[in-house]
Each structure stands twice: as C-alpha cells, then as structure tokens.
Protein backbone atom coordinates (compact mmCIF):
# COMPACT_ATOMS: atom_id res chain seq x y z
CA MET A 1 120.85 82.04 93.02
CA LYS A 2 118.24 78.49 93.44
CA MET A 3 114.22 79.76 94.58
CA ALA A 4 114.53 77.26 97.54
CA ASP A 5 116.97 79.02 98.66
CA LEU A 6 115.50 82.52 98.67
CA ILE A 7 112.34 81.17 99.85
CA ASP A 8 114.60 80.12 103.34
CA ALA A 9 115.16 83.58 103.30
CA ASN A 10 112.34 84.88 103.13
CA PRO A 11 108.61 82.56 103.31
CA ASN A 12 106.76 85.42 102.22
CA LEU A 13 108.02 84.72 98.60
CA LEU A 14 105.79 81.26 98.65
CA LEU A 15 102.84 83.47 98.78
CA MET A 16 104.41 85.35 96.09
CA LEU A 17 105.25 81.46 94.23
CA GLN A 18 101.19 81.13 95.04
CA HIS A 19 99.66 84.30 93.37
CA PHE A 20 101.93 83.34 90.27
CA ASN A 21 99.76 79.56 90.72
CA ILE A 22 103.78 77.94 90.80
CA ASP A 23 103.82 75.17 92.93
CA PHE A 24 106.77 75.06 95.74
CA ARG A 25 108.12 72.04 94.96
CA VAL A 26 111.08 74.34 93.12
CA SER A 27 113.68 71.16 93.59
CA ASP A 28 117.36 72.70 92.42
CA GLN A 29 116.25 75.25 90.29
CA THR A 30 117.11 78.64 89.68
CA VAL A 31 114.96 82.06 88.92
CA LEU A 32 116.03 81.63 85.32
CA GLN A 33 115.23 77.72 85.13
CA LEU A 34 111.80 78.34 87.20
CA CYS A 35 111.10 81.76 85.36
CA THR A 36 111.99 79.74 82.17
CA GLY A 37 109.39 76.97 83.31
CA HIS A 38 106.65 78.53 83.89
CA GLY A 39 106.95 81.02 80.80
CA ILE A 40 106.84 84.51 83.22
CA SER A 41 110.24 86.48 82.35
CA GLU A 42 112.51 86.71 84.68
CA ASN A 43 113.02 90.34 85.04
CA LEU A 44 108.91 90.11 86.83
CA PHE A 45 109.49 87.71 88.40
CA ILE A 46 112.10 89.49 89.93
CA SER A 47 111.05 93.03 90.22
CA ILE A 48 107.79 91.27 92.78
CA ALA A 49 110.33 89.19 94.63
CA ASN A 50 111.52 92.45 95.18
CA LEU A 51 108.91 93.91 96.98
CA TYR A 52 108.35 91.13 99.00
CA ASN A 53 112.17 91.37 99.68
CA GLY A 54 111.63 95.15 100.63
CA LEU A 55 113.33 96.59 98.38
CA GLU A 56 112.15 98.47 94.61
CA ALA A 57 110.66 96.80 91.64
CA ASN A 58 113.33 96.94 89.51
CA VAL A 59 111.65 99.67 86.58
CA ARG A 60 114.47 100.64 84.81
CA ILE A 61 114.09 97.15 82.41
CA PRO A 62 110.85 98.55 80.06
CA PHE A 63 108.24 95.07 80.44
CA THR A 64 106.44 93.91 77.99
CA ARG A 65 102.71 93.21 77.36
CA GLU A 66 103.09 90.01 78.13
CA ASP A 67 104.35 90.56 81.51
CA MET A 68 101.24 92.68 81.80
CA MET A 69 98.99 89.83 81.15
CA HIS A 70 100.76 88.24 83.98
CA VAL A 71 101.00 90.43 86.14
CA ILE A 72 97.21 91.06 85.96
CA ASP A 73 96.84 86.82 86.15
CA PHE A 74 98.74 87.60 89.48
CA LEU A 75 96.21 90.13 91.12
CA LYS A 76 93.57 88.65 90.23
CA HIS A 77 95.46 85.16 92.27
CA SER A 78 95.87 87.93 95.03
CA HIS A 79 92.04 88.82 95.30
CA HIS A 80 91.25 85.38 95.45
CA TYR A 81 93.42 84.98 98.25
CA TYR A 82 91.89 87.79 99.91
CA ARG A 83 88.24 86.00 99.42
CA SER A 84 88.66 82.85 99.97
CA ASP A 85 91.75 82.50 102.54
CA LYS A 86 92.00 85.12 104.54
CA TYR A 87 88.98 86.49 105.14
CA PRO A 88 87.28 83.18 106.62
CA GLN A 89 90.25 82.36 108.70
CA ILE A 90 90.46 85.56 110.26
CA SER A 91 86.53 85.88 110.83
CA SER A 92 86.90 81.81 112.44
CA TYR A 93 89.94 83.61 114.82
CA ILE A 94 87.46 86.32 115.93
CA ARG A 95 84.26 84.14 116.12
CA GLN A 96 86.20 81.58 118.31
CA LEU A 97 87.38 84.00 120.93
CA GLN A 98 83.85 85.70 121.35
CA GLU A 99 82.59 82.54 121.87
CA ASN A 100 85.85 82.09 124.64
CA HIS A 101 84.95 85.69 125.98
CA SER A 102 82.43 88.36 127.05
CA ALA A 103 84.50 91.53 126.34
CA LYS A 104 82.28 93.72 124.40
CA GLU A 105 84.92 95.42 122.45
CA LEU A 106 85.23 91.75 120.65
CA LYS A 107 82.13 92.54 119.22
CA LEU A 108 83.34 96.25 118.07
CA LEU A 109 86.36 94.54 116.22
CA GLU A 110 83.76 92.38 114.45
CA LYS A 111 81.69 95.02 113.50
CA PHE A 112 84.69 96.68 112.55
CA PHE A 113 86.34 94.27 110.21
CA ASN A 114 83.29 93.16 107.96
CA GLU A 115 82.59 96.80 107.65
CA TYR A 116 86.78 97.31 106.74
CA PHE A 117 86.20 93.66 104.37
CA THR A 118 83.02 95.06 102.85
CA GLU A 119 85.03 98.00 101.64
CA VAL A 120 88.28 95.22 100.63
CA ILE A 121 85.52 93.36 98.62
CA GLU A 122 84.20 96.14 96.88
CA HIS A 123 87.77 97.33 95.74
CA LEU A 124 88.11 93.72 94.89
CA ASP A 125 85.05 93.76 92.53
CA TYR A 126 86.09 97.12 90.78
CA GLU A 127 89.03 96.08 89.68
CA ASP A 128 87.40 92.66 88.94
CA ASN A 129 84.84 94.09 86.97
CA VAL A 130 86.44 97.36 85.88
CA ALA A 131 89.92 98.31 86.12
CA PHE A 132 91.44 94.58 84.56
CA PRO A 133 89.13 93.85 81.63
CA TYR A 134 90.45 97.82 80.74
CA PHE A 135 94.11 97.29 80.98
CA ILE A 136 93.17 93.21 79.38
CA ALA A 137 91.88 95.07 76.05
CA LEU A 138 94.16 97.49 75.94
CA LEU A 139 97.02 95.02 76.32
CA LYS A 140 95.81 92.96 73.57
CA ASN A 141 95.23 96.45 71.57
CA GLU A 142 91.22 96.13 71.74
CA GLY A 143 90.96 99.36 73.11
CA SER A 144 88.94 102.23 70.94
CA ARG A 145 90.04 105.63 72.00
CA ASP A 146 86.56 106.51 72.87
CA ARG A 147 86.78 103.69 75.45
CA GLN A 148 90.08 105.55 76.69
CA GLU A 149 88.45 108.82 76.88
CA LEU A 150 85.57 106.94 79.22
CA TYR A 151 88.27 105.78 81.09
CA SER A 152 92.14 105.52 81.75
CA SER A 153 95.36 104.24 83.65
CA ILE A 154 95.32 107.66 85.54
CA GLU A 155 91.48 107.59 86.09
CA TYR A 156 91.90 104.23 87.73
CA GLY A 157 94.96 105.63 89.33
CA GLU A 158 92.98 108.30 91.10
CA HIS A 159 90.18 105.84 92.09
CA HIS A 160 93.28 103.07 93.94
CA THR A 161 93.79 103.18 97.62
CA ASP A 162 95.68 102.16 100.10
CA ILE A 163 93.08 98.88 101.39
CA GLU A 164 95.37 97.68 103.55
CA LEU A 165 95.67 100.61 106.28
CA LYS A 166 92.67 100.58 108.33
CA LEU A 167 94.20 97.08 109.42
CA LYS A 168 96.89 99.63 111.34
CA ASP A 169 94.12 100.34 113.49
CA LEU A 170 92.11 96.90 113.46
CA LYS A 171 95.22 95.23 115.21
CA HIS A 172 95.28 98.56 117.62
CA LEU A 173 92.10 97.49 118.85
CA LEU A 174 94.03 94.30 120.05
CA LEU A 175 96.71 95.12 120.96
CA LYS A 176 95.17 98.96 123.05
CA TYR A 177 91.91 98.23 124.00
CA VAL A 178 90.08 94.48 123.89
CA LYS A 179 90.36 93.91 127.59
CA ILE A 180 90.75 89.55 127.22
CA GLU A 181 93.20 87.68 128.62
CA ASN A 182 94.67 84.31 128.01
CA ASP A 183 94.01 82.33 124.62
CA LEU A 184 97.66 83.60 123.47
CA ASP A 185 97.10 80.15 121.05
CA LEU A 186 94.77 81.83 119.26
CA ARG A 187 95.65 85.80 119.97
CA ARG A 188 98.85 85.26 118.29
CA LYS A 189 97.42 83.30 114.46
CA LEU A 190 94.57 86.09 114.57
CA PHE A 191 97.63 88.97 114.73
CA PHE A 192 99.80 86.66 112.68
CA ALA A 193 96.30 86.46 109.85
CA LEU A 194 96.17 89.56 109.88
CA TYR A 195 100.18 90.83 109.34
CA GLU A 196 100.11 89.03 107.05
CA LEU A 197 96.85 90.29 105.02
CA GLU A 198 98.05 93.97 105.41
CA PHE A 199 101.74 92.60 104.45
CA ASP A 200 99.82 91.55 100.89
CA LEU A 201 97.07 94.00 100.10
CA TYR A 202 100.45 96.34 101.07
CA ILE A 203 102.65 94.46 97.80
CA HIS A 204 99.45 94.61 96.08
CA SER A 205 98.95 98.44 96.03
CA LEU A 206 102.19 98.68 95.29
CA ILE A 207 102.47 97.06 92.08
CA GLU A 208 99.47 98.31 91.14
CA GLU A 209 101.64 101.51 91.16
CA THR A 210 104.93 100.82 90.40
CA ILE A 211 104.33 98.44 87.42
CA LEU A 212 100.88 98.06 85.89
CA ILE A 213 99.12 101.62 86.45
CA PRO A 214 102.74 103.19 84.19
CA ALA A 215 102.92 100.28 81.91
CA GLY A 216 99.29 101.39 81.16
CA VAL A 217 100.20 104.57 81.02
CA ASN A 218 102.91 104.44 78.31
CA ILE A 219 100.93 101.83 76.23
CA GLU A 220 97.97 104.75 76.12
CA ARG A 221 100.63 107.63 74.83
CA GLU A 222 101.89 105.23 72.37
CA GLN A 223 98.31 105.04 70.75
CA HIS A 224 97.91 108.33 71.27
CA ALA A 225 101.07 109.13 69.50
C-alpha cells in the first residue's frame, strides 16, 4: 500500500513517522519504497505500524541488530516528543484553565500532573542513561560478560513500568470531579493531548516489551552459548 493512504486511514502514523525521523511528504511512495529510502527494514516498519494500528508486531521474522539500533533511535525520538512537546502543551492547557477558573480541583490537577511527569522523566532518564547504552553496547558486540552480570535485558524488563497508566486517573479527575463550566474548546484540547500522550506511551511500552527486550535476551543467550 501507499504510505499516504495508510496515514489517511490512521493519522497516528504521522507520529510514528516523526519518531522514525521521516518527513511527512511521502508522495506516492509505497511502504517498501519509503523504508528503502530511509534505510529501515520493511519488517520493522510494519511491525511498529501494526502497533499503532492496534495489531500485534510481527515477531515471527527475526529482527536484525540494525533493526534494534533503529528501535533505540525511535524510542529516543519519542522521549524528546514527551519532554519537549506533550508536557509543555498539557501544562500550558492546565495553566490556562487555572487563569480562567478558580476551581480548587485545578490546583490538584496541576499537582497530580507535575508529580506524574516527574516520574515519567525519571523513567526516561533511566532508559537514556542506563538501558539504552547497555543495549547499544550489546548490539555492537561491546558488552562484556562482566557487564552483563551487572545488568541484563531481563533486569531492564523487571524495572520497566507502564508509565501511561496513571494518565487514566488524570482523565478521570477531569471527567468526574473538576467542577468548571464552559471553556469547552480548551478542555477538549487538553483531553486530546492527554489521550495522545497516553496512546503513544502505551505504544512506547509495547515496543520495548515485545521487540527490544526479547531481542536483547536472544543476543545475550547467543553470547553465552
């Protein structure tokens, strides 16, 4: 299929392209042509696109080490999106609501979101500073056995948390308990931003759990065989 048709069917794929650092001007290229032009395997691209479409990743075909390097780059780009795009956007919407309304629940909403995103930043920093450097060394055959005894893909999996889950509580606060009226445009924008963040964090977790961690475990087994 042509990439433009797929985007038209699911605009969330634009966010996937952004994380792959692929320009949205896809012309009339097919998925294969787009992947070839950007040096990304069609298997990996379709596997991640499947997740954005609510399907399972195609893990029956083994991912290469080069695929895994692309996965890490993809996840790093998503980190930048969370820090530099969605957090400032959502914070701005909450502050605007506070300026327009005196509801005390909005103070609670802001406190809840700031505390939540502090946890998210800690999670992202852990991945950037501990997990990803380990996987990169592993993929480049630079990981020593001593290092693997100190850290491993399984340990990362045990440390891994679903950081999108608390966003449900935040949405429930807005839907059930924040007593403000009007400002429907602003409140809708806030909801859409929260849903978009929650969805992409969920995909982020799925990529790590179904693609990155299993690949790391397989490489570690090969090195110990």
